[in-house]
Amino acid sequence: MGPPFFLSPDYHRSIANAMFLFDQHSIMLGTSYNMSLSSKLKFEWMRTKIGQASALVDGDVHHKSFNVLSMSYNFAF
């Protein structure tokens, strides 16, 4: 969890600059289908490859890949 939003933007920037990511990249493919004028169904697949380390994933994840499948339904009223 990050710092509270009532702190100054400079503090948030210094915290963001302190995060280190090493050798991580992703590729994503997605499609969507309009169910009506105000709703949409989305499907996405993402493959993430972690090399040395990642600040965003906990545990021993050296040189591993992950697949993430997601489906979302969006609507406006």
PDB file of N, CA and C in Angstrom:
ATOM      1  N   MET A   1       0.837  -1.172   0.000  1.00  0.00           N
ATOM      2  CA  MET A   1       0.000   0.000   0.000  1.00  0.00           C
ATOM      3  C   MET A   1       0.883   1.238   0.000  1.00  0.00           C
ATOM      4  N   GLY A   2       0.487   2.255  -0.710  1.00  0.00           N
ATOM      5  CA  GLY A   2       1.281   3.467  -0.831  1.00  0.00           C
ATOM      6  C   GLY A   2       1.004   4.454   0.276  1.00  0.00           C
ATOM      7  N   PRO A   3       1.664   5.592   0.198  1.00  0.00           N
ATOM      8  CA  PRO A   3       1.448   6.631   1.206  1.00  0.00           C
ATOM      9  C   PRO A   3       0.070   7.269   1.034  1.00  0.00           C
ATOM     10  N   PRO A   4      -0.463   7.884   2.077  1.00  0.00           N
ATOM     11  CA  PRO A   4      -1.785   8.527   1.984  1.00  0.00           C
ATOM     12  C   PRO A   4      -1.796   9.663   0.966  1.00  0.00           C
ATOM     13  N   PHE A   5      -2.961   9.914   0.384  1.00  0.00           N
ATOM     14  CA  PHE A   5      -3.094  10.916  -0.673  1.00  0.00           C
ATOM     15  C   PHE A   5      -2.979  12.355  -0.172  1.00  0.00           C
ATOM     16  N   PHE A   6      -3.116  12.586   1.128  1.00  0.00           N
ATOM     17  CA  PHE A   6      -3.035  13.960   1.628  1.00  0.00           C
ATOM     18  C   PHE A   6      -1.594  14.455   1.755  1.00  0.00           C
ATOM     19  N   LEU A   7      -0.603  13.562   1.540  1.00  0.00           N
ATOM     20  CA  LEU A   7       0.793  13.994   1.576  1.00  0.00           C
ATOM     21  C   LEU A   7       1.149  14.711   0.274  1.00  0.00           C
ATOM     22  N   SER A   8       2.228  15.452   0.287  1.00  0.00           N
ATOM     23  CA  SER A   8       2.589  16.284  -0.864  1.00  0.00           C
ATOM     24  C   SER A   8       2.953  15.432  -2.091  1.00  0.00           C
ATOM     25  N   PRO A   9       2.757  15.975  -3.301  1.00  0.00           N
ATOM     26  CA  PRO A   9       3.129  15.252  -4.531  1.00  0.00           C
ATOM     27  C   PRO A   9       4.611  14.917  -4.590  1.00  0.00           C
ATOM     28  N   ASP A  10       5.470  15.759  -4.018  1.00  0.00           N
ATOM     29  CA  ASP A  10       6.904  15.468  -4.003  1.00  0.00           C
ATOM     30  C   ASP A  10       7.207  14.201  -3.210  1.00  0.00           C
ATOM     31  N   TYR A  11       6.489  14.000  -2.120  1.00  0.00           N
ATOM     32  CA  TYR A  11       6.686  12.783  -1.324  1.00  0.00           C
ATOM     33  C   TYR A  11       6.275  11.548  -2.119  1.00  0.00           C
ATOM     34  N   HIS A  12       5.131  11.640  -2.807  1.00  0.00           N
ATOM     35  CA  HIS A  12       4.663  10.525  -3.647  1.00  0.00           C
ATOM     36  C   HIS A  12       5.674  10.229  -4.747  1.00  0.00           C
ATOM     37  N   ARG A  13       6.236  11.261  -5.340  1.00  0.00           N
ATOM     38  CA  ARG A  13       7.219  11.082  -6.411  1.00  0.00           C
ATOM     39  C   ARG A  13       8.471  10.383  -5.886  1.00  0.00           C
ATOM     40  N   SER A  14       8.914  10.761  -4.688  1.00  0.00           N
ATOM     41  CA  SER A  14      10.114  10.123  -4.125  1.00  0.00           C
ATOM     42  C   SER A  14       9.856   8.650  -3.809  1.00  0.00           C
ATOM     43  N   ILE A  15       8.661   8.312  -3.345  1.00  0.00           N
ATOM     44  CA  ILE A  15       8.315   6.912  -3.087  1.00  0.00           C
ATOM     45  C   ILE A  15       8.257   6.140  -4.400  1.00  0.00           C
ATOM     46  N   ALA A  16       7.656   6.722  -5.438  1.00  0.00           N
ATOM     47  CA  ALA A  16       7.571   6.052  -6.743  1.00  0.00           C
ATOM     48  C   ALA A  16       8.950   5.839  -7.343  1.00  0.00           C
ATOM     49  N   ASN A  17       9.853   6.791  -7.173  1.00  0.00           N
ATOM     50  CA  ASN A  17      11.207   6.650  -7.701  1.00  0.00           C
ATOM     51  C   ASN A  17      12.022   5.622  -6.935  1.00  0.00           C
ATOM     52  N   ALA A  18      11.602   5.268  -5.733  1.00  0.00           N
ATOM     53  CA  ALA A  18      12.332   4.288  -4.935  1.00  0.00           C
ATOM     54  C   ALA A  18      11.973   2.853  -5.312  1.00  0.00           C
ATOM     55  N   MET A  19      10.917   2.656  -6.126  1.00  0.00           N
ATOM     56  CA  MET A  19      10.548   1.305  -6.560  1.00  0.00           C
ATOM     57  C   MET A  19      11.463   0.870  -7.696  1.00  0.00           C
ATOM     58  N   PHE A  20      12.062  -0.291  -7.549  1.00  0.00           N
ATOM     59  CA  PHE A  20      12.958  -0.800  -8.573  1.00  0.00           C
ATOM     60  C   PHE A  20      12.372  -2.065  -9.189  1.00  0.00           C
ATOM     61  N   LEU A  21      12.333  -2.095 -10.495  1.00  0.00           N
ATOM     62  CA  LEU A  21      11.906  -3.286 -11.230  1.00  0.00           C
ATOM     63  C   LEU A  21      13.088  -3.743 -12.063  1.00  0.00           C
ATOM     64  N   PHE A  22      13.351  -5.020 -12.066  1.00  0.00           N
ATOM     65  CA  PHE A  22      14.484  -5.549 -12.802  1.00  0.00           C
ATOM     66  C   PHE A  22      14.005  -6.576 -13.816  1.00  0.00           C
ATOM     67  N   ASP A  23      14.273  -6.317 -15.074  1.00  0.00           N
ATOM     68  CA  ASP A  23      14.091  -7.326 -16.120  1.00  0.00           C
ATOM     69  C   ASP A  23      12.696  -7.933 -16.122  1.00  0.00           C
ATOM     70  N   GLN A  24      11.678  -7.103 -16.243  1.00  0.00           N
ATOM     71  CA  GLN A  24      10.301  -7.574 -16.301  1.00  0.00           C
ATOM     72  C   GLN A  24       9.650  -6.993 -17.537  1.00  0.00           C
ATOM     73  N   HIS A  25       8.946  -7.817 -18.308  1.00  0.00           N
ATOM     74  CA  HIS A  25       8.196  -7.311 -19.450  1.00  0.00           C
ATOM     75  C   HIS A  25       6.939  -8.155 -19.665  1.00  0.00           C
ATOM     76  N   SER A  26       5.953  -7.554 -20.352  1.00  0.00           N
ATOM     77  CA  SER A  26       4.666  -8.207 -20.581  1.00  0.00           C
ATOM     78  C   SER A  26       4.217  -7.964 -22.005  1.00  0.00           C
ATOM     79  N   ILE A  27       3.377  -8.864 -22.477  1.00  0.00           N
ATOM     80  CA  ILE A  27       2.707  -8.686 -23.758  1.00  0.00           C
ATOM     81  C   ILE A  27       1.235  -9.018 -23.525  1.00  0.00           C
ATOM     82  N   MET A  28       0.360  -8.266 -24.185  1.00  0.00           N
ATOM     83  CA  MET A  28      -1.065  -8.430 -23.936  1.00  0.00           C
ATOM     84  C   MET A  28      -1.830  -8.461 -25.252  1.00  0.00           C
ATOM     85  N   LEU A  29      -2.878  -9.244 -25.271  1.00  0.00           N
ATOM     86  CA  LEU A  29      -3.763  -9.329 -26.421  1.00  0.00           C
ATOM     87  C   LEU A  29      -5.188  -9.306 -25.894  1.00  0.00           C
ATOM     88  N   GLY A  30      -6.045  -8.518 -26.509  1.00  0.00           N
ATOM     89  CA  GLY A  30      -7.412  -8.427 -26.023  1.00  0.00           C
ATOM     90  C   GLY A  30      -8.395  -8.146 -27.132  1.00  0.00           C
ATOM     91  N   THR A  31      -9.642  -8.386 -26.813  1.00  0.00           N
ATOM     92  CA  THR A  31     -10.728  -8.095 -27.735  1.00  0.00           C
ATOM     93  C   THR A  31     -11.946  -7.666 -26.929  1.00  0.00           C
ATOM     94  N   SER A  32     -12.864  -7.008 -27.584  1.00  0.00           N
ATOM     95  CA  SER A  32     -14.081  -6.576 -26.890  1.00  0.00           C
ATOM     96  C   SER A  32     -15.278  -6.749 -27.811  1.00  0.00           C
ATOM     97  N   TYR A  33     -16.443  -6.836 -27.192  1.00  0.00           N
ATOM     98  CA  TYR A  33     -17.694  -7.010 -27.917  1.00  0.00           C
ATOM     99  C   TYR A  33     -18.722  -6.059 -27.323  1.00  0.00           C
ATOM    100  N   ASN A  34     -19.317  -5.226 -28.174  1.00  0.00           N
ATOM    101  CA  ASN A  34     -20.365  -4.307 -27.726  1.00  0.00           C
ATOM    102  C   ASN A  34     -21.667  -5.067 -27.575  1.00  0.00           C
ATOM    103  N   MET A  35     -22.140  -5.186 -26.348  1.00  0.00           N
ATOM    104  CA  MET A  35     -23.410  -5.870 -26.084  1.00  0.00           C
ATOM    105  C   MET A  35     -24.589  -4.953 -26.423  1.00  0.00           C
ATOM    106  N   SER A  36     -24.418  -3.670 -26.180  1.00  0.00           N
ATOM    107  CA  SER A  36     -25.421  -2.658 -26.512  1.00  0.00           C
ATOM    108  C   SER A  36     -24.678  -1.330 -26.617  1.00  0.00           C
ATOM    109  N   LEU A  37     -25.407  -0.245 -26.761  1.00  0.00           N
ATOM    110  CA  LEU A  37     -24.758   1.063 -26.847  1.00  0.00           C
ATOM    111  C   LEU A  37     -24.074   1.460 -25.536  1.00  0.00           C
ATOM    112  N   SER A  38     -24.516   0.879 -24.421  1.00  0.00           N
ATOM    113  CA  SER A  38     -23.961   1.291 -23.129  1.00  0.00           C
ATOM    114  C   SER A  38     -23.248   0.169 -22.382  1.00  0.00           C
ATOM    115  N   SER A  39     -22.996  -0.972 -23.019  1.00  0.00           N
ATOM    116  CA  SER A  39     -22.296  -2.046 -22.324  1.00  0.00           C
ATOM    117  C   SER A  39     -21.321  -2.757 -23.263  1.00  0.00           C
ATOM    118  N   LYS A  40     -20.250  -3.263 -22.686  1.00  0.00           N
ATOM    119  CA  LYS A  40     -19.188  -3.902 -23.465  1.00  0.00           C
ATOM    120  C   LYS A  40     -18.613  -5.064 -22.666  1.00  0.00           C
ATOM    121  N   LEU A  41     -18.328  -6.160 -23.357  1.00  0.00           N
ATOM    122  CA  LEU A  41     -17.688  -7.322 -22.771  1.00  0.00           C
ATOM    123  C   LEU A  41     -16.260  -7.390 -23.301  1.00  0.00           C
ATOM    124  N   LYS A  42     -15.275  -7.494 -22.383  1.00  0.00           N
ATOM    125  CA  LYS A  42     -13.861  -7.481 -22.777  1.00  0.00           C
ATOM    126  C   LYS A  42     -13.171  -8.756 -22.302  1.00  0.00           C
ATOM    127  N   PHE A  43     -12.294  -9.280 -23.159  1.00  0.00           N
ATOM    128  CA  PHE A  43     -11.450 -10.431 -22.838  1.00  0.00           C
ATOM    129  C   PHE A  43     -10.003 -10.031 -23.068  1.00  0.00           C
ATOM    130  N   GLU A  44      -9.121 -10.378 -22.137  1.00  0.00           N
ATOM    131  CA  GLU A  44      -7.708 -10.033 -22.275  1.00  0.00           C
ATOM    132  C   GLU A  44      -6.840 -11.191 -21.795  1.00  0.00           C
ATOM    133  N   TRP A  45      -5.713 -11.380 -22.476  1.00  0.00           N
ATOM    134  CA  TRP A  45      -4.688 -12.341 -22.075  1.00  0.00           C
ATOM    135  C   TRP A  45      -3.375 -11.587 -21.975  1.00  0.00           C
ATOM    136  N   MET A  46      -2.669 -11.753 -20.863  1.00  0.00           N
ATOM    137  CA  MET A  46      -1.377 -11.103 -20.676  1.00  0.00           C
ATOM    138  C   MET A  46      -0.362 -12.152 -20.215  1.00  0.00           C
ATOM    139  N   ARG A  47       0.804 -12.117 -20.825  1.00  0.00           N
ATOM    140  CA  ARG A  47       1.923 -12.990 -20.425  1.00  0.00           C
ATOM    141  C   ARG A  47       3.028 -12.090 -19.902  1.00  0.00           C
ATOM    142  N   THR A  48       3.436 -12.328 -18.656  1.00  0.00           N
ATOM    143  CA  THR A  48       4.472 -11.543 -18.008  1.00  0.00           C
ATOM    144  C   THR A  48       5.679 -12.426 -17.756  1.00  0.00           C
ATOM    145  N   LYS A  49       6.849 -11.953 -18.138  1.00  0.00           N
ATOM    146  CA  LYS A  49       8.123 -12.661 -17.925  1.00  0.00           C
ATOM    147  C   LYS A  49       8.939 -11.844 -16.940  1.00  0.00           C
ATOM    148  N   ILE A  50       9.363 -12.488 -15.862  1.00  0.00           N
ATOM    149  CA  ILE A  50      10.186 -11.836 -14.849  1.00  0.00           C
ATOM    150  C   ILE A  50      11.579 -12.438 -14.931  1.00  0.00           C
ATOM    151  N   GLY A  51      12.576 -11.578 -15.040  1.00  0.00           N
ATOM    152  CA  GLY A  51      13.961 -12.026 -15.119  1.00  0.00           C
ATOM    153  C   GLY A  51      14.570 -12.151 -13.737  1.00  0.00           C
ATOM    154  N   GLN A  52      15.400 -11.186 -13.354  1.00  0.00           N
ATOM    155  CA  GLN A  52      16.089 -11.230 -12.066  1.00  0.00           C
ATOM    156  C   GLN A  52      15.130 -11.083 -10.889  1.00  0.00           C
ATOM    157  N   ALA A  53      14.325 -10.012 -10.879  1.00  0.00           N
ATOM    158  CA  ALA A  53      13.434  -9.755  -9.752  1.00  0.00           C
ATOM    159  C   ALA A  53      12.377  -8.743 -10.159  1.00  0.00           C
ATOM    160  N   SER A  54      11.360  -8.637  -9.347  1.00  0.00           N
ATOM    161  CA  SER A  54      10.306  -7.659  -9.559  1.00  0.00           C
ATOM    162  C   SER A  54       9.854  -7.135  -8.216  1.00  0.00           C
ATOM    163  N   ALA A  55       9.640  -5.835  -8.136  1.00  0.00           N
ATOM    164  CA  ALA A  55       9.134  -5.245  -6.901  1.00  0.00           C
ATOM    165  C   ALA A  55       7.624  -5.416  -6.787  1.00  0.00           C
ATOM    166  N   LEU A  56       6.954  -5.859  -7.849  1.00  0.00           N
ATOM    167  CA  LEU A  56       5.500  -5.973  -7.848  1.00  0.00           C
ATOM    168  C   LEU A  56       4.997  -7.383  -7.556  1.00  0.00           C
ATOM    169  N   VAL A  57       5.890  -8.383  -7.510  1.00  0.00           N
ATOM    170  CA  VAL A  57       5.489  -9.767  -7.273  1.00  0.00           C
ATOM    171  C   VAL A  57       6.279 -10.290  -6.083  1.00  0.00           C
ATOM    172  N   ASP A  58       5.586 -10.864  -5.107  1.00  0.00           N
ATOM    173  CA  ASP A  58       6.243 -11.423  -3.923  1.00  0.00           C
ATOM    174  C   ASP A  58       6.701 -12.851  -4.190  1.00  0.00           C
ATOM    175  N   GLY A  59       7.687 -13.277  -3.450  1.00  0.00           N
ATOM    176  CA  GLY A  59       8.135 -14.666  -3.520  1.00  0.00           C
ATOM    177  C   GLY A  59       9.315 -14.857  -4.453  1.00  0.00           C
ATOM    178  N   ASP A  60       9.703 -16.110  -4.619  1.00  0.00           N
ATOM    179  CA  ASP A  60      10.828 -16.477  -5.474  1.00  0.00           C
ATOM    180  C   ASP A  60      10.324 -16.614  -6.912  1.00  0.00           C
ATOM    181  N   VAL A  61      10.481 -15.569  -7.688  1.00  0.00           N
ATOM    182  CA  VAL A  61       9.943 -15.543  -9.055  1.00  0.00           C
ATOM    183  C   VAL A  61      11.045 -15.324 -10.083  1.00  0.00           C
ATOM    184  N   HIS A  62      12.270 -15.695  -9.767  1.00  0.00           N
ATOM    185  CA  HIS A  62      13.375 -15.499 -10.698  1.00  0.00           C
ATOM    186  C   HIS A  62      13.159 -16.336 -11.947  1.00  0.00           C
ATOM    187  N   HIS A  63      13.226 -15.692 -13.104  1.00  0.00           N
ATOM    188  CA  HIS A  63      13.155 -16.354 -14.407  1.00  0.00           C
ATOM    189  C   HIS A  63      11.896 -17.206 -14.558  1.00  0.00           C
ATOM    190  N   LYS A  64      10.754 -16.618 -14.261  1.00  0.00           N
ATOM    191  CA  LYS A  64       9.479 -17.314 -14.406  1.00  0.00           C
ATOM    192  C   LYS A  64       8.531 -16.474 -15.239  1.00  0.00           C
ATOM    193  N   SER A  65       7.534 -17.119 -15.813  1.00  0.00           N
ATOM    194  CA  SER A  65       6.507 -16.453 -16.613  1.00  0.00           C
ATOM    195  C   SER A  65       5.142 -16.732 -16.002  1.00  0.00           C
ATOM    196  N   PHE A  66       4.234 -15.776 -16.188  1.00  0.00           N
ATOM    197  CA  PHE A  66       2.873 -15.894 -15.685  1.00  0.00           C
ATOM    198  C   PHE A  66       1.895 -15.555 -16.799  1.00  0.00           C
ATOM    199  N   ASN A  67       0.792 -16.281 -16.869  1.00  0.00           N
ATOM    200  CA  ASN A  67      -0.306 -15.967 -17.771  1.00  0.00           C
ATOM    201  C   ASN A  67      -1.459 -15.419 -16.939  1.00  0.00           C
ATOM    202  N   VAL A  68      -2.054 -14.344 -17.400  1.00  0.00           N
ATOM    203  CA  VAL A  68      -3.206 -13.746 -16.730  1.00  0.00           C
ATOM    204  C   VAL A  68      -4.336 -13.646 -17.748  1.00  0.00           C
ATOM    205  N   LEU A  69      -5.457 -14.289 -17.454  1.00  0.00           N
ATOM    206  CA  LEU A  69      -6.639 -14.205 -18.295  1.00  0.00           C
ATOM    207  C   LEU A  69      -7.676 -13.389 -17.543  1.00  0.00           C
ATOM    208  N   SER A  70      -8.313 -12.458 -18.248  1.00  0.00           N
ATOM    209  CA  SER A  70      -9.319 -11.644 -17.575  1.00  0.00           C
ATOM    210  C   SER A  70     -10.509 -11.414 -18.497  1.00  0.00           C
ATOM    211  N   MET A  71     -11.647 -11.288 -17.868  1.00  0.00           N
ATOM    212  CA  MET A  71     -12.883 -10.963 -18.565  1.00  0.00           C
ATOM    213  C   MET A  71     -13.560  -9.868 -17.749  1.00  0.00           C
ATOM    214  N   SER A  72     -14.030  -8.842 -18.430  1.00  0.00           N
ATOM    215  CA  SER A  72     -14.717  -7.776 -17.709  1.00  0.00           C
ATOM    216  C   SER A  72     -15.952  -7.337 -18.482  1.00  0.00           C
ATOM    217  N   TYR A  73     -16.943  -6.911 -17.736  1.00  0.00           N
ATOM    218  CA  TYR A  73     -18.179  -6.391 -18.304  1.00  0.00           C
ATOM    219  C   TYR A  73     -18.290  -4.949 -17.843  1.00  0.00           C
ATOM    220  N   ASN A  74     -18.338  -4.030 -18.785  1.00  0.00           N
ATOM    221  CA  ASN A  74     -18.418  -2.607 -18.486  1.00  0.00           C
ATOM    222  C   ASN A  74     -19.753  -2.053 -18.967  1.00  0.00           C
ATOM    223  N   PHE A  75     -20.318  -1.173 -18.177  1.00  0.00           N
ATOM    224  CA  PHE A  75     -21.582  -0.568 -18.572  1.00  0.00           C
ATOM    225  C   PHE A  75     -21.662   0.856 -18.051  1.00  0.00           C
ATOM    226  N   ALA A  76     -22.469   1.622 -18.715  1.00  0.00           N
ATOM    227  CA  ALA A  76     -22.737   3.003 -18.309  1.00  0.00           C
ATOM    228  C   ALA A  76     -24.246   3.186 -18.185  1.00  0.00           C
ATOM    229  N   PHE A  77     -24.665   3.966 -17.214  1.00  0.00           N
ATOM    230  CA  PHE A  77     -26.106   4.220 -17.043  1.00  0.00           C
ATOM    231  C   PHE A  77     -26.354   5.686 -16.796  1.00  0.00           C
TER     232      PHE A  77
END
